Each structure stands twice: as C-alpha cells, then as structure tokens.
Amino acid sequence: MDLSIIVVNWNVRDLLRDCLNSLLKATQAASSLSTEIIVIDSASTDGSPQMVQAEFPQLRLIASPENLGYAQGNNYGANLAQGRYLFLLNPDTIVEPETLALMVEYLDRHPEVGALGPQLLWPDGSVQSSRRRLPTLGSLFWESTLLGQWFPNNPHIRRYHMADQAPDHIQPVDWVVGAALLIRRETWQQAGPIDNAFFMYFEETDWCQRALAAGWSIHYFPDAKITHFEGKSSEQVIADRTIRFQRSKIRYTRKYFGAGRATLLRLFLWSTFAIQWIEESAKWLIGHRRALRRERMIAYGQVLRSL
C-alpha cells in the first residue's frame, strides 16, 4: 500500500462530504498509487457517520463513541493504516486532483524528507500561513494574545510565521500546520505517534519537533495545493477552542522550556484574559451591544476559570 489517508471528523458532515469527494477524484488522478481512506468520526451528532456509510461505502469508517481529538484520532487511524505514507487530513479541506500524486512523488525523490506540507489556500484562493519556525518564548507570549493584537507586525510573530520567506517556493521548515500533513512511515515510527496529551493545537508542532530531532527534514511544498476552510469544527465552541489552544500552548512551553516558564506564561495569559473580561464588562455596563458583550464575558470567564 502506497498511501493511507486519515481524516478525523467532528460534526462537519457537509464539509466532510466535499472533502471525501475531492479525495476520490485525487486518488483516481493518482491511479498508479495504491491508496486507502480511513475516516475516524469522533462522536459526531450531525449524521456524519451515517452519511459516510450511505455515500462512501468503499471507505473505512471508524465511528468512535467519544470525541478523540486530533491527536488520538490520527493515532487511531495510523495504527490501522497500511500505507508507506500517512496523510493526515482535516475534513474541512478540498484536495486538488493532482495533489496526492505530486506529494508522494516528491517524498519518493527526497528520502531525507520525513514529512511534507502542501500550500493551504483560503476559499478565495489566497495563501494561508501554514509553515512555521519552532516557537520561541517570544512567540509564545505574542501569538494569539493581547500583545499580538496590539502589535500584529511584531518581529516575534513575523519570524514564527516565516514572513521573511516567500510562500511560493519549496523550502525546509520546522513544522507545517497539521490540517494536511504527509508523513513517511519510517519517520512516524522513529518520531513516535502524536502526543495524546495535546488534544488539539500544538500537537503537530510537537510531533514535527520530534521528527527534526530524529534527523529528518520537513518541507513545505507549494506545488501541491489544498483549500482549507479553517476551524470549522472548533469554531462551533469558541470558548472551548480558546481554552484548548492556550492549555496546549502552556503544555508545549512546559515540555520544551520548563515548568517555571510555563507558569509565567499561564499567569501572563490569565492577566490578558482578565483585562479583556474587564473591558467587555465595562462596555456591557454602558449598554454597548449588550448581547455580544455578555456572550464575550461568559466566554472570557470560562477561559479564566480554565487557566
């Protein structure tokens, strides 16, 4: 088996349908490759598993009774997979017909490359930021915090997002966004599975860092293109998404920078969300768009209690 495609789904039935249809077209275009598609459904309540059973009976479906998250879901799929390459793919994606063949061909020609990320596009065709350098303490304090909102063009974030490198040429990177990640099986075996402690967010960062430490290269490959409707699963629960992101950031910081710095980051994050809660409360008190302010107060309150 050449290629195992693993799609972990949670409550995005219609997007999943479009994703699977695009995958079938891409596998037909890559007819020289033997492929399998494994769908891991994480306790969806929108009829996703029933849709897959009815419309895509040729695919392998695992309907989990619980929400496994990105890490555990992909690990489950990888344990079932037979391919020499594993393609971890989010369900909110559309794969261009030539993408699979191009990516597999590239890894076949570059045995030193352990993982490959395509160019991700927004639905309007513009390029998403999907390649990164490894986080630094600076980027951890600036990324997705008030500091980053106040000073979005700061050098910490520009470095982290590789703003100094054009997104239209093949290049080695430290990690790529896990919405679409092609992995050589030998690399997976050496780096190990995704850390289940990261339910969602920073899991691909951690995995790619371990792959680099094992001596593999990771490349960004813009010749292959995938449209990504980013965050359609996680945006259904905004507070939960923020909580999981910040918790994973703290976990990553503890793993690579130590408990002391992780504690400082947690205190910093708590203070920034407290500031935002106070700001929303003040606007609510003066009667400015009260329904919105109340919704945000509740969300920030949930985040504060989680940190």
Protein backbone atom coordinates (compact mmCIF):
# COMPACT_ATOMS: atom_id res chain seq x y z
CA MET A 1 0.00 0.00 0.00
CA ASP A 2 1.42 3.37 -1.03
CA LEU A 3 -0.78 5.90 0.73
CA SER A 4 -3.10 5.84 3.72
CA ILE A 5 -5.28 8.93 4.07
CA ILE A 6 -6.63 9.56 7.57
CA VAL A 7 -9.50 12.02 8.08
CA VAL A 8 -10.61 12.76 11.66
CA ASN A 9 -14.09 14.30 11.67
CA TRP A 10 -16.25 16.03 14.25
CA ASN A 11 -19.64 17.47 13.25
CA VAL A 12 -18.80 18.87 9.81
CA ARG A 13 -20.84 16.46 7.69
CA ASP A 14 -21.25 18.64 4.61
CA LEU A 15 -17.60 19.69 4.55
CA LEU A 16 -16.57 16.07 5.08
CA ARG A 17 -18.66 15.04 2.06
CA ASP A 18 -16.91 17.62 -0.12
CA CYS A 19 -13.52 16.57 1.25
CA LEU A 20 -14.11 12.89 0.52
CA ASN A 21 -15.39 13.61 -2.98
CA SER A 22 -12.23 15.61 -3.67
CA LEU A 23 -10.11 12.77 -2.30
CA LEU A 24 -11.77 10.24 -4.57
CA LYS A 25 -11.01 12.44 -7.58
CA ALA A 26 -7.42 12.85 -6.41
CA THR A 27 -6.95 9.10 -5.92
CA GLN A 28 -8.35 8.48 -9.41
CA ALA A 29 -5.87 11.01 -10.80
CA ALA A 30 -3.09 9.17 -8.94
CA SER A 31 -4.10 5.81 -10.38
CA SER A 32 -0.56 4.43 -10.15
CA LEU A 33 -0.73 4.67 -6.35
CA SER A 34 -2.48 2.14 -4.15
CA THR A 35 -4.47 4.11 -1.59
CA GLU A 36 -6.87 3.72 1.28
CA ILE A 37 -9.05 6.32 3.01
CA ILE A 38 -9.79 5.92 6.71
CA VAL A 39 -12.43 8.16 8.30
CA ILE A 40 -12.32 8.45 12.09
CA ASP A 41 -15.55 10.03 13.31
CA SER A 42 -15.33 11.48 16.81
CA ALA A 43 -18.86 11.03 18.17
CA SER A 44 -20.46 13.42 15.68
CA THR A 45 -24.13 14.20 16.25
CA ASP A 46 -24.82 15.73 12.82
CA GLY A 47 -25.18 12.48 10.91
CA SER A 48 -21.60 12.37 9.66
CA PRO A 49 -21.02 8.61 10.14
CA GLN A 50 -24.39 7.77 8.58
CA MET A 51 -23.51 9.95 5.58
CA VAL A 52 -20.18 8.18 5.11
CA GLN A 53 -21.83 4.76 5.35
CA ALA A 54 -24.51 5.69 2.82
CA GLU A 55 -22.48 7.69 0.30
CA PHE A 56 -18.96 6.28 0.64
CA PRO A 57 -19.34 2.59 1.48
CA GLN A 58 -15.96 1.82 -0.11
CA LEU A 59 -14.14 3.80 2.60
CA ARG A 60 -13.17 2.51 6.01
CA LEU A 61 -15.19 4.20 8.74
CA ILE A 62 -14.44 4.10 12.46
CA ALA A 63 -17.28 5.65 14.47
CA SER A 64 -15.91 6.45 17.91
CA PRO A 65 -18.37 6.88 20.80
CA GLU A 66 -16.23 9.73 22.15
CA ASN A 67 -14.53 12.82 20.76
CA LEU A 68 -10.96 11.66 20.29
CA GLY A 69 -9.47 14.98 19.21
CA TYR A 70 -6.82 15.45 16.53
CA ALA A 71 -4.00 13.57 18.23
CA GLN A 72 -5.79 10.46 19.42
CA GLY A 73 -7.94 10.26 16.30
CA ASN A 74 -4.98 10.35 13.94
CA ASN A 75 -3.03 7.90 16.09
CA TYR A 76 -6.00 5.52 15.90
CA GLY A 77 -6.05 5.85 12.13
CA ALA A 78 -2.29 5.41 11.86
CA ASN A 79 -2.49 2.15 13.80
CA LEU A 80 -4.94 0.85 11.20
CA ALA A 81 -3.13 2.23 8.17
CA GLN A 82 -1.18 0.00 5.79
CA GLY A 83 0.49 2.63 3.60
CA ARG A 84 4.15 3.54 3.39
CA TYR A 85 2.97 7.15 3.63
CA LEU A 86 0.41 8.52 6.07
CA PHE A 87 -1.59 11.58 5.02
CA LEU A 88 -3.25 13.32 7.96
CA LEU A 89 -6.04 15.48 6.54
CA ASN A 90 -8.66 17.68 8.16
CA PRO A 91 -12.24 17.23 6.95
CA ASP A 92 -12.63 20.96 6.20
CA THR A 93 -10.40 20.70 3.13
CA ILE A 94 -10.68 20.32 -0.63
CA VAL A 95 -7.80 18.45 -2.26
CA GLU A 96 -6.78 19.42 -5.79
CA PRO A 97 -6.82 16.43 -8.19
CA GLU A 98 -3.05 16.36 -8.71
CA THR A 99 -2.06 16.98 -5.09
CA LEU A 100 -1.68 13.40 -3.86
CA ALA A 101 0.44 12.29 -6.79
CA LEU A 102 2.67 15.36 -6.54
CA MET A 103 3.28 14.94 -2.81
CA VAL A 104 4.04 11.23 -2.94
CA GLU A 105 6.33 11.73 -5.92
CA TYR A 106 8.22 14.45 -4.02
CA LEU A 107 8.83 12.23 -0.99
CA ASP A 108 9.84 9.35 -3.25
CA ARG A 109 12.50 11.62 -4.78
CA HIS A 110 13.69 13.06 -1.45
CA PRO A 111 14.34 10.22 1.02
CA GLU A 112 15.76 12.63 3.61
CA VAL A 113 12.40 14.41 3.94
CA GLY A 114 10.24 12.82 6.60
CA ALA A 115 7.14 14.99 6.34
CA LEU A 116 5.65 17.31 3.75
CA GLY A 117 3.07 20.07 3.93
CA PRO A 118 1.20 21.40 0.88
CA GLN A 119 0.25 25.00 0.31
CA LEU A 120 -3.03 25.73 2.08
CA LEU A 121 -5.40 28.20 0.47
CA TRP A 122 -8.34 30.18 1.79
CA PRO A 123 -11.61 29.65 -0.09
CA ASP A 124 -10.94 32.87 -2.04
CA GLY A 125 -7.67 31.42 -3.32
CA SER A 126 -5.31 33.47 -1.16
CA VAL A 127 -2.48 31.70 0.65
CA GLN A 128 -2.87 30.66 4.29
CA SER A 129 0.04 30.87 6.68
CA SER A 130 0.83 27.18 7.15
CA ARG A 131 4.63 26.94 7.59
CA ARG A 132 6.43 27.85 10.76
CA ARG A 133 9.68 28.04 12.61
CA LEU A 134 9.75 26.44 16.04
CA PRO A 135 8.18 28.56 18.78
CA THR A 136 10.40 30.75 20.92
CA LEU A 137 9.49 32.18 24.30
CA GLY A 138 8.83 35.44 22.49
CA SER A 139 6.40 33.92 20.01
CA LEU A 140 4.61 32.00 22.77
CA PHE A 141 3.95 35.25 24.63
CA TRP A 142 2.94 37.14 21.47
CA GLU A 143 0.98 34.59 19.42
CA SER A 144 -2.81 34.81 19.96
CA THR A 145 -2.54 37.17 22.94
CA LEU A 146 -3.30 40.83 23.56
CA LEU A 147 0.30 41.68 22.70
CA GLY A 148 -0.17 40.19 19.26
CA GLN A 149 -3.47 42.02 18.81
CA TRP A 150 -1.95 45.35 19.79
CA PHE A 151 1.23 44.88 17.73
CA PRO A 152 0.40 42.39 14.95
CA ASN A 153 3.53 43.10 12.89
CA ASN A 154 5.99 42.42 15.71
CA PRO A 155 9.26 40.58 14.93
CA HIS A 156 8.41 37.57 17.11
CA ILE A 157 5.33 36.68 15.06
CA ARG A 158 6.95 37.58 11.74
CA ARG A 159 9.81 35.19 12.48
CA TYR A 160 7.46 32.47 13.71
CA HIS A 161 5.28 32.68 10.58
CA MET A 162 8.33 32.88 8.29
CA ALA A 163 7.25 36.23 6.90
CA ASP A 164 10.77 36.69 5.51
CA GLN A 165 10.28 33.74 3.13
CA ALA A 166 8.02 33.84 0.08
CA PRO A 167 5.23 31.23 0.19
CA ASP A 168 5.59 30.24 -3.46
CA HIS A 169 8.74 28.12 -3.40
CA ILE A 170 9.71 24.77 -1.90
CA GLN A 171 11.59 25.20 1.36
CA PRO A 172 12.70 23.38 4.51
CA VAL A 173 10.68 24.41 7.56
CA ASP A 174 10.49 23.47 11.22
CA TRP A 175 6.85 22.47 11.10
CA VAL A 176 3.71 22.72 8.99
CA VAL A 177 0.09 23.08 10.01
CA GLY A 178 -1.48 19.69 10.65
CA ALA A 179 -4.56 20.29 8.50
CA ALA A 180 -2.70 18.45 5.74
CA LEU A 181 0.48 16.59 6.61
CA LEU A 182 2.08 13.78 4.60
CA ILE A 183 4.38 11.61 6.72
CA ARG A 184 6.84 8.90 5.76
CA ARG A 185 6.11 5.75 7.77
CA GLU A 186 9.75 5.38 8.85
CA THR A 187 9.61 8.91 10.23
CA TRP A 188 6.41 8.14 12.11
CA GLN A 189 8.00 5.05 13.59
CA GLN A 190 11.13 6.90 14.70
CA ALA A 191 9.47 10.08 16.00
CA GLY A 192 6.61 8.15 17.56
CA PRO A 193 2.88 8.88 17.39
CA ILE A 194 1.32 12.24 18.11
CA ASP A 195 1.34 13.05 21.82
CA ASN A 196 -2.20 12.36 23.06
CA ALA A 197 -1.69 14.92 25.83
CA PHE A 198 -2.28 17.55 23.13
CA PHE A 199 -5.99 17.05 22.45
CA MET A 200 -5.91 19.84 19.88
CA TYR A 201 -3.35 22.52 18.94
CA PHE A 202 0.46 22.32 19.18
CA GLU A 203 0.31 18.58 18.58
CA GLU A 204 1.76 18.89 15.09
CA THR A 205 4.36 21.35 16.40
CA ASP A 206 5.49 18.83 18.98
CA TRP A 207 5.46 15.94 16.51
CA CYS A 208 7.48 17.83 13.89
CA GLN A 209 9.98 18.90 16.54
CA ARG A 210 10.49 15.25 17.46
CA ALA A 211 10.88 14.33 13.78
CA LEU A 212 13.56 17.02 13.40
CA ALA A 213 15.32 15.71 16.49
CA ALA A 214 15.33 12.24 14.92
CA GLY A 215 17.28 13.64 11.98
CA TRP A 216 14.52 14.10 9.39
CA SER A 217 13.80 17.18 7.28
CA ILE A 218 10.36 18.74 6.92
CA HIS A 219 9.48 20.57 3.73
CA TYR A 220 6.81 23.00 2.59
CA PHE A 221 5.64 22.09 -0.91
CA PRO A 222 3.53 24.78 -2.60
CA ASP A 223 3.26 22.85 -5.89
CA ALA A 224 0.55 20.83 -4.13
CA LYS A 225 -2.49 22.87 -3.12
CA ILE A 226 -5.37 22.26 -0.75
CA THR A 227 -8.22 24.62 0.11
CA HIS A 228 -8.74 24.82 3.86
CA PHE A 229 -11.93 26.10 5.50
CA GLU A 230 -10.01 26.64 8.71
CA GLY A 231 -11.51 25.86 12.11
CA LYS A 232 -14.99 24.75 11.05
CA SER A 233 -15.11 22.07 13.74
CA SER A 234 -13.54 24.07 16.56
CA GLU A 235 -15.40 27.31 15.81
CA GLN A 236 -18.61 25.64 16.93
CA VAL A 237 -17.45 26.11 20.53
CA ILE A 238 -15.40 29.32 20.64
CA ALA A 239 -14.59 29.32 24.36
CA ASP A 240 -13.58 25.67 24.22
CA ARG A 241 -11.35 26.37 21.23
CA THR A 242 -9.57 29.19 23.08
CA ILE A 243 -9.21 27.09 26.21
CA ARG A 244 -7.71 24.16 24.33
CA PHE A 245 -5.34 26.41 22.38
CA GLN A 246 -3.99 28.17 25.46
CA ARG A 247 -3.76 24.98 27.51
CA SER A 248 -1.83 23.30 24.71
CA LYS A 249 0.45 26.33 24.48
CA ILE A 250 1.19 26.06 28.20
CA ARG A 251 1.75 22.30 27.89
CA TYR A 252 4.15 22.82 24.99
CA THR A 253 6.02 25.50 26.95
CA ARG A 254 6.36 23.19 29.94
CA LYS A 255 7.64 20.36 27.74
CA TYR A 256 10.30 22.38 25.93
CA PHE A 257 11.04 25.38 28.16
CA GLY A 258 10.41 24.06 31.67
CA ALA A 259 7.78 24.36 34.39
CA GLY A 260 8.88 27.79 35.60
CA ARG A 261 8.45 29.49 32.24
CA ALA A 262 5.18 27.65 31.68
CA THR A 263 3.90 29.07 34.97
CA LEU A 264 4.93 32.58 33.92
CA LEU A 265 3.12 32.12 30.62
CA ARG A 266 -0.01 30.88 32.38
CA LEU A 267 -0.02 33.92 34.69
CA PHE A 268 0.53 36.22 31.72
CA LEU A 269 -2.32 34.65 29.76
CA TRP A 270 -4.63 34.81 32.77
CA SER A 271 -3.92 38.53 33.18
CA THR A 272 -4.57 39.26 29.49
CA PHE A 273 -7.92 37.47 29.53
CA ALA A 274 -8.80 39.25 32.77
CA ILE A 275 -8.15 42.58 31.02
CA GLN A 276 -10.43 41.54 28.16
CA TRP A 277 -13.15 40.42 30.59
CA ILE A 278 -12.98 43.79 32.37
CA GLU A 279 -13.15 45.62 29.03
CA GLU A 280 -16.22 43.67 27.92
CA SER A 281 -17.85 44.18 31.33
CA ALA A 282 -17.36 47.93 31.09
CA LYS A 283 -18.93 48.02 27.64
CA TRP A 284 -21.84 45.92 28.90
CA LEU A 285 -22.40 48.33 31.79
CA ILE A 286 -22.70 51.33 29.48
CA GLY A 287 -25.15 49.44 27.28
CA HIS A 288 -22.95 48.91 24.21
CA ARG A 289 -24.22 45.86 22.27
CA ARG A 290 -25.10 44.06 25.46
CA ALA A 291 -25.90 40.66 23.96
CA LEU A 292 -22.47 40.49 22.33
CA ARG A 293 -20.73 41.78 25.46
CA ARG A 294 -22.50 39.24 27.65
CA GLU A 295 -21.52 36.42 25.30
CA ARG A 296 -17.89 37.52 25.41
CA MET A 297 -17.93 37.97 29.19
CA ILE A 298 -19.15 34.40 29.58
CA ALA A 299 -16.50 33.11 27.16
CA TYR A 300 -13.65 35.01 28.84
CA GLY A 301 -14.91 33.86 32.22
CA GLN A 302 -14.74 30.24 31.08
CA VAL A 303 -11.20 30.77 29.81
CA LEU A 304 -10.12 32.41 33.08
CA ARG A 305 -11.50 29.52 35.13
CA SER A 306 -9.71 27.01 32.88
CA LEU A 307 -6.29 28.62 33.29
